[in-house]
Amino acid sequence: MHALDLNLIQNHLWLNFQIDPDTKGGDGTASEPLVLKNPLVSWKIDIKALNKCQKLVQENHPKLLPRLLDFKRKVLYTFCMQYDAKGPGYTKVVGTRWVLARNIYHWVCLLEF
């Protein structure tokens, strides 16, 4: 309730999802693309997690998808950026932790053939 009073939801939608309120209909993309200053992880703990994620993908563990969900979003995002693992029909790497993990899982499944 207080989030509505403080316009937190509105700001969250505008800034994080790049929803442009002036754009009528369509897919809600912003008029200007989101530019990330440094999309790669830089903290030592995140670099270790990224290496662990890469090893997990290389091993192709039977429970890969649930194991990927143990990682932070920024680690999954960095993995997707490095290996160009995008969702079907997407030209950019986007999504929540679940979407990014699912994209990695599908990317691994495509490599098996």
N, C-alpha and C. Protein backbone atom coordinates (compact mmCIF):
# COMPACT_ATOMS: atom_id res chain seq x y z
N MET A 1 0.82 -1.18 0.00
CA MET A 1 0.00 0.00 0.00
C MET A 1 0.87 1.25 0.00
N HIS A 2 1.92 1.26 0.82
CA HIS A 2 2.78 2.43 0.88
C HIS A 2 3.60 2.59 -0.40
N ALA A 3 3.88 1.48 -1.08
CA ALA A 3 4.63 1.57 -2.34
C ALA A 3 3.86 2.38 -3.37
N LEU A 4 2.53 2.27 -3.36
CA LEU A 4 1.72 3.05 -4.29
C LEU A 4 1.78 4.53 -3.97
N ASP A 5 1.77 4.84 -2.66
CA ASP A 5 1.83 6.24 -2.24
C ASP A 5 3.15 6.90 -2.62
N LEU A 6 4.22 6.15 -2.59
CA LEU A 6 5.54 6.71 -2.84
C LEU A 6 5.97 6.62 -4.31
N ASN A 7 5.07 6.13 -5.16
CA ASN A 7 5.37 5.94 -6.59
C ASN A 7 6.52 4.98 -6.83
N LEU A 8 6.74 4.05 -5.91
CA LEU A 8 7.83 3.11 -6.07
C LEU A 8 7.57 2.15 -7.23
N ILE A 9 6.34 1.70 -7.37
CA ILE A 9 6.02 0.77 -8.44
C ILE A 9 6.19 1.45 -9.79
N GLN A 10 5.71 2.67 -9.90
CA GLN A 10 5.82 3.42 -11.16
C GLN A 10 7.28 3.63 -11.53
N ASN A 11 8.09 4.05 -10.58
CA ASN A 11 9.51 4.25 -10.85
C ASN A 11 10.21 2.93 -11.18
N HIS A 12 9.82 1.87 -10.50
CA HIS A 12 10.39 0.55 -10.76
C HIS A 12 10.10 0.12 -12.20
N LEU A 13 8.88 0.31 -12.64
CA LEU A 13 8.52 -0.07 -14.00
C LEU A 13 9.24 0.78 -15.03
N TRP A 14 9.35 2.07 -14.77
CA TRP A 14 9.99 2.96 -15.72
C TRP A 14 11.49 2.70 -15.81
N LEU A 15 12.16 2.58 -14.66
CA LEU A 15 13.61 2.47 -14.66
C LEU A 15 14.10 1.05 -14.94
N ASN A 16 13.57 0.05 -14.27
CA ASN A 16 14.09 -1.30 -14.40
C ASN A 16 13.59 -2.03 -15.62
N PHE A 17 12.34 -1.84 -15.98
CA PHE A 17 11.79 -2.54 -17.13
C PHE A 17 11.79 -1.67 -18.39
N GLN A 18 12.25 -0.43 -18.26
CA GLN A 18 12.34 0.50 -19.38
C GLN A 18 11.00 0.63 -20.11
N ILE A 19 9.92 0.70 -19.34
CA ILE A 19 8.60 0.88 -19.92
C ILE A 19 8.39 2.38 -20.13
N ASP A 20 8.12 2.73 -21.36
CA ASP A 20 7.92 4.13 -21.72
C ASP A 20 6.43 4.43 -21.69
N PRO A 21 5.96 5.27 -20.77
CA PRO A 21 4.52 5.54 -20.69
C PRO A 21 3.97 6.29 -21.90
N ASP A 22 4.84 6.92 -22.68
CA ASP A 22 4.38 7.67 -23.84
C ASP A 22 4.19 6.79 -25.08
N THR A 23 4.71 5.56 -25.04
CA THR A 23 4.57 4.64 -26.16
C THR A 23 3.22 3.94 -26.06
N LYS A 24 2.43 4.04 -27.10
CA LYS A 24 1.12 3.42 -27.10
C LYS A 24 1.22 2.01 -27.65
N GLY A 25 0.71 1.04 -26.86
CA GLY A 25 0.66 -0.36 -27.30
C GLY A 25 2.03 -0.94 -27.56
N GLY A 26 2.06 -1.97 -28.37
CA GLY A 26 3.32 -2.61 -28.72
C GLY A 26 3.84 -3.46 -27.58
N ASP A 27 5.14 -3.71 -27.61
CA ASP A 27 5.73 -4.57 -26.60
C ASP A 27 6.28 -3.81 -25.40
N GLY A 28 6.12 -2.52 -25.35
CA GLY A 28 6.51 -1.72 -24.18
C GLY A 28 7.98 -1.40 -24.13
N THR A 29 8.69 -1.52 -25.23
CA THR A 29 10.11 -1.21 -25.21
C THR A 29 10.31 0.29 -25.07
N ALA A 30 11.43 0.64 -24.53
CA ALA A 30 11.74 2.04 -24.28
C ALA A 30 12.14 2.73 -25.58
N SER A 31 12.04 4.04 -25.57
CA SER A 31 12.44 4.80 -26.75
C SER A 31 13.96 4.80 -26.90
N GLU A 32 14.68 4.69 -25.80
CA GLU A 32 16.14 4.63 -25.83
C GLU A 32 16.57 3.29 -25.23
N PRO A 33 17.57 2.62 -25.82
CA PRO A 33 18.01 1.35 -25.26
C PRO A 33 18.73 1.53 -23.93
N LEU A 34 18.61 0.54 -23.08
CA LEU A 34 19.30 0.55 -21.80
C LEU A 34 20.76 0.26 -22.03
N VAL A 35 21.64 1.14 -21.55
CA VAL A 35 23.08 0.95 -21.73
C VAL A 35 23.67 0.58 -20.38
N LEU A 36 24.26 -0.61 -20.33
CA LEU A 36 24.90 -1.05 -19.10
C LEU A 36 26.36 -0.61 -19.11
N LYS A 37 26.79 -0.02 -18.02
CA LYS A 37 28.16 0.47 -17.95
C LYS A 37 29.15 -0.69 -17.84
N ASN A 38 28.84 -1.67 -16.99
CA ASN A 38 29.73 -2.80 -16.80
C ASN A 38 28.89 -4.05 -16.56
N PRO A 39 28.54 -4.77 -17.61
CA PRO A 39 27.65 -5.91 -17.44
C PRO A 39 28.32 -7.13 -16.82
N LEU A 40 29.64 -7.17 -16.77
CA LEU A 40 30.33 -8.32 -16.23
C LEU A 40 30.52 -8.19 -14.73
N VAL A 41 30.56 -9.33 -14.05
CA VAL A 41 30.75 -9.32 -12.60
C VAL A 41 32.20 -8.94 -12.30
N SER A 42 32.41 -8.29 -11.15
CA SER A 42 33.75 -7.86 -10.81
C SER A 42 34.17 -8.28 -9.40
N TRP A 43 33.23 -8.62 -8.54
CA TRP A 43 33.57 -9.05 -7.18
C TRP A 43 34.15 -10.45 -7.23
N LYS A 44 35.11 -10.72 -6.37
CA LYS A 44 35.76 -12.03 -6.35
C LYS A 44 34.76 -13.16 -6.11
N ILE A 45 33.83 -12.93 -5.22
CA ILE A 45 32.85 -13.97 -4.90
C ILE A 45 31.94 -14.25 -6.11
N ASP A 46 31.63 -13.20 -6.87
CA ASP A 46 30.80 -13.39 -8.06
C ASP A 46 31.59 -14.06 -9.19
N ILE A 47 32.88 -13.76 -9.27
CA ILE A 47 33.73 -14.42 -10.27
C ILE A 47 33.84 -15.90 -9.96
N LYS A 48 33.96 -16.24 -8.67
CA LYS A 48 33.98 -17.65 -8.28
C LYS A 48 32.67 -18.32 -8.63
N ALA A 49 31.58 -17.62 -8.38
CA ALA A 49 30.26 -18.18 -8.69
C ALA A 49 30.10 -18.37 -10.20
N LEU A 50 30.63 -17.44 -10.99
CA LEU A 50 30.56 -17.56 -12.44
C LEU A 50 31.36 -18.77 -12.92
N ASN A 51 32.53 -18.98 -12.34
CA ASN A 51 33.34 -20.15 -12.69
C ASN A 51 32.62 -21.44 -12.31
N LYS A 52 31.97 -21.42 -11.17
CA LYS A 52 31.20 -22.59 -10.72
C LYS A 52 30.03 -22.85 -11.67
N CYS A 53 29.39 -21.79 -12.11
CA CYS A 53 28.28 -21.90 -13.05
C CYS A 53 28.76 -22.49 -14.38
N GLN A 54 29.90 -22.03 -14.86
CA GLN A 54 30.45 -22.54 -16.11
C GLN A 54 30.79 -24.02 -15.99
N LYS A 55 31.35 -24.41 -14.86
CA LYS A 55 31.70 -25.81 -14.63
C LYS A 55 30.44 -26.67 -14.59
N LEU A 56 29.41 -26.17 -13.94
CA LEU A 56 28.14 -26.88 -13.83
C LEU A 56 27.53 -27.10 -15.22
N VAL A 57 27.61 -26.08 -16.05
CA VAL A 57 27.06 -26.19 -17.41
C VAL A 57 27.88 -27.17 -18.23
N GLN A 58 29.19 -27.13 -18.09
CA GLN A 58 30.05 -28.06 -18.83
C GLN A 58 29.78 -29.51 -18.44
N GLU A 59 29.51 -29.75 -17.16
CA GLU A 59 29.22 -31.10 -16.69
C GLU A 59 27.85 -31.57 -17.14
N ASN A 60 26.97 -30.62 -17.46
CA ASN A 60 25.59 -30.91 -17.85
C ASN A 60 24.90 -31.82 -16.82
N HIS A 61 24.87 -31.34 -15.60
CA HIS A 61 24.28 -32.06 -14.48
C HIS A 61 22.82 -32.40 -14.79
N PRO A 62 22.33 -33.59 -14.36
CA PRO A 62 20.93 -33.96 -14.64
C PRO A 62 19.91 -32.96 -14.09
N LYS A 63 20.23 -32.31 -13.00
CA LYS A 63 19.32 -31.31 -12.42
C LYS A 63 19.90 -29.92 -12.64
N LEU A 64 20.26 -29.64 -13.88
CA LEU A 64 20.93 -28.39 -14.22
C LEU A 64 20.06 -27.17 -13.92
N LEU A 65 18.81 -27.21 -14.35
CA LEU A 65 17.95 -26.03 -14.17
C LEU A 65 17.77 -25.65 -12.70
N PRO A 66 17.42 -26.58 -11.80
CA PRO A 66 17.30 -26.17 -10.38
C PRO A 66 18.63 -25.72 -9.79
N ARG A 67 19.73 -26.29 -10.26
CA ARG A 67 21.03 -25.90 -9.73
C ARG A 67 21.42 -24.50 -10.21
N LEU A 68 20.99 -24.14 -11.41
CA LEU A 68 21.28 -22.79 -11.91
C LEU A 68 20.55 -21.73 -11.09
N LEU A 69 19.41 -22.08 -10.55
CA LEU A 69 18.64 -21.12 -9.76
C LEU A 69 19.31 -20.76 -8.44
N ASP A 70 20.38 -21.48 -8.08
CA ASP A 70 21.13 -21.16 -6.86
C ASP A 70 22.02 -19.94 -7.04
N PHE A 71 22.26 -19.55 -8.29
CA PHE A 71 23.15 -18.42 -8.57
C PHE A 71 22.37 -17.11 -8.59
N LYS A 72 23.09 -16.03 -8.33
CA LYS A 72 22.50 -14.69 -8.39
C LYS A 72 22.19 -14.33 -9.83
N ARG A 73 21.29 -13.38 -10.01
CA ARG A 73 20.89 -12.96 -11.34
C ARG A 73 22.08 -12.41 -12.13
N LYS A 74 22.93 -11.62 -11.47
CA LYS A 74 24.03 -11.01 -12.20
C LYS A 74 25.04 -12.04 -12.71
N VAL A 75 25.17 -13.16 -12.00
CA VAL A 75 26.06 -14.23 -12.47
C VAL A 75 25.45 -14.90 -13.70
N LEU A 76 24.15 -15.19 -13.63
CA LEU A 76 23.47 -15.80 -14.77
C LEU A 76 23.46 -14.86 -15.97
N TYR A 77 23.25 -13.59 -15.69
CA TYR A 77 23.24 -12.59 -16.77
C TYR A 77 24.60 -12.54 -17.46
N THR A 78 25.67 -12.53 -16.66
CA THR A 78 27.02 -12.48 -17.22
C THR A 78 27.30 -13.73 -18.05
N PHE A 79 26.87 -14.88 -17.57
CA PHE A 79 27.05 -16.11 -18.33
C PHE A 79 26.33 -16.01 -19.68
N CYS A 80 25.10 -15.55 -19.64
CA CYS A 80 24.32 -15.41 -20.87
C CYS A 80 24.97 -14.42 -21.83
N MET A 81 25.53 -13.35 -21.31
CA MET A 81 26.20 -12.36 -22.16
C MET A 81 27.45 -12.95 -22.80
N GLN A 82 28.23 -13.70 -22.02
CA GLN A 82 29.47 -14.26 -22.53
C GLN A 82 29.23 -15.30 -23.61
N TYR A 83 28.18 -16.12 -23.43
CA TYR A 83 27.93 -17.22 -24.36
C TYR A 83 26.77 -16.95 -25.31
N ASP A 84 26.26 -15.74 -25.27
CA ASP A 84 25.17 -15.34 -26.16
C ASP A 84 23.97 -16.28 -26.04
N ALA A 85 23.63 -16.62 -24.81
CA ALA A 85 22.49 -17.50 -24.53
C ALA A 85 21.25 -16.64 -24.35
N LYS A 86 20.47 -16.52 -25.43
CA LYS A 86 19.26 -15.70 -25.39
C LYS A 86 18.04 -16.59 -25.50
N GLY A 87 16.93 -16.05 -25.08
CA GLY A 87 15.67 -16.76 -25.23
C GLY A 87 15.25 -16.80 -26.69
N PRO A 88 14.40 -17.76 -27.05
CA PRO A 88 13.96 -17.84 -28.45
C PRO A 88 13.22 -16.58 -28.86
N GLY A 89 13.63 -16.01 -29.97
CA GLY A 89 12.99 -14.81 -30.49
C GLY A 89 13.55 -13.51 -29.93
N TYR A 90 14.52 -13.57 -29.03
CA TYR A 90 15.08 -12.36 -28.43
C TYR A 90 16.39 -11.99 -29.10
N THR A 91 16.65 -10.71 -29.19
CA THR A 91 17.91 -10.23 -29.74
C THR A 91 18.84 -9.72 -28.64
N LYS A 92 18.31 -9.61 -27.41
CA LYS A 92 19.09 -9.14 -26.27
C LYS A 92 18.98 -10.15 -25.14
N VAL A 93 19.94 -10.10 -24.24
CA VAL A 93 19.88 -10.93 -23.04
C VAL A 93 19.08 -10.15 -22.00
N VAL A 94 17.89 -10.66 -21.67
CA VAL A 94 17.02 -10.01 -20.71
C VAL A 94 16.35 -11.06 -19.85
N GLY A 95 15.82 -10.63 -18.72
CA GLY A 95 14.99 -11.53 -17.92
C GLY A 95 15.35 -11.58 -16.46
N THR A 96 14.48 -12.24 -15.74
CA THR A 96 14.68 -12.48 -14.32
C THR A 96 15.65 -13.64 -14.14
N ARG A 97 15.95 -13.96 -12.91
CA ARG A 97 16.84 -15.08 -12.62
C ARG A 97 16.30 -16.37 -13.22
N TRP A 98 14.99 -16.58 -13.08
CA TRP A 98 14.37 -17.79 -13.62
C TRP A 98 14.48 -17.82 -15.15
N VAL A 99 14.21 -16.72 -15.81
CA VAL A 99 14.27 -16.66 -17.27
C VAL A 99 15.69 -16.89 -17.76
N LEU A 100 16.67 -16.28 -17.12
CA LEU A 100 18.06 -16.45 -17.51
C LEU A 100 18.51 -17.90 -17.32
N ALA A 101 18.12 -18.51 -16.20
CA ALA A 101 18.47 -19.92 -15.95
C ALA A 101 17.83 -20.81 -17.00
N ARG A 102 16.60 -20.54 -17.34
CA ARG A 102 15.90 -21.34 -18.36
C ARG A 102 16.56 -21.16 -19.73
N ASN A 103 17.00 -19.93 -20.04
CA ASN A 103 17.69 -19.69 -21.31
C ASN A 103 19.01 -20.47 -21.37
N ILE A 104 19.75 -20.52 -20.27
CA ILE A 104 20.99 -21.29 -20.23
C ILE A 104 20.69 -22.77 -20.42
N TYR A 105 19.64 -23.25 -19.75
CA TYR A 105 19.26 -24.66 -19.86
C TYR A 105 18.91 -25.02 -21.30
N HIS A 106 18.12 -24.19 -21.96
CA HIS A 106 17.76 -24.45 -23.36
C HIS A 106 18.98 -24.34 -24.28
N TRP A 107 19.86 -23.42 -23.96
CA TRP A 107 21.09 -23.25 -24.74
C TRP A 107 21.94 -24.52 -24.66
N VAL A 108 22.04 -25.10 -23.47
CA VAL A 108 22.80 -26.34 -23.29
C VAL A 108 22.13 -27.48 -24.05
N CYS A 109 20.82 -27.54 -24.00
CA CYS A 109 20.08 -28.60 -24.72
C CYS A 109 20.31 -28.48 -26.22
N LEU A 110 20.40 -27.28 -26.76
CA LEU A 110 20.65 -27.09 -28.19
C LEU A 110 22.04 -27.53 -28.58
N LEU A 111 23.01 -27.40 -27.66
CA LEU A 111 24.40 -27.77 -27.95
C LEU A 111 24.59 -29.28 -28.01
N GLU A 112 23.68 -30.03 -27.40
CA GLU A 112 23.83 -31.48 -27.35
C GLU A 112 23.61 -32.11 -28.71
N PHE A 113 22.89 -31.46 -29.61
CA PHE A 113 22.57 -32.05 -30.92
C PHE A 113 23.65 -31.82 -31.92
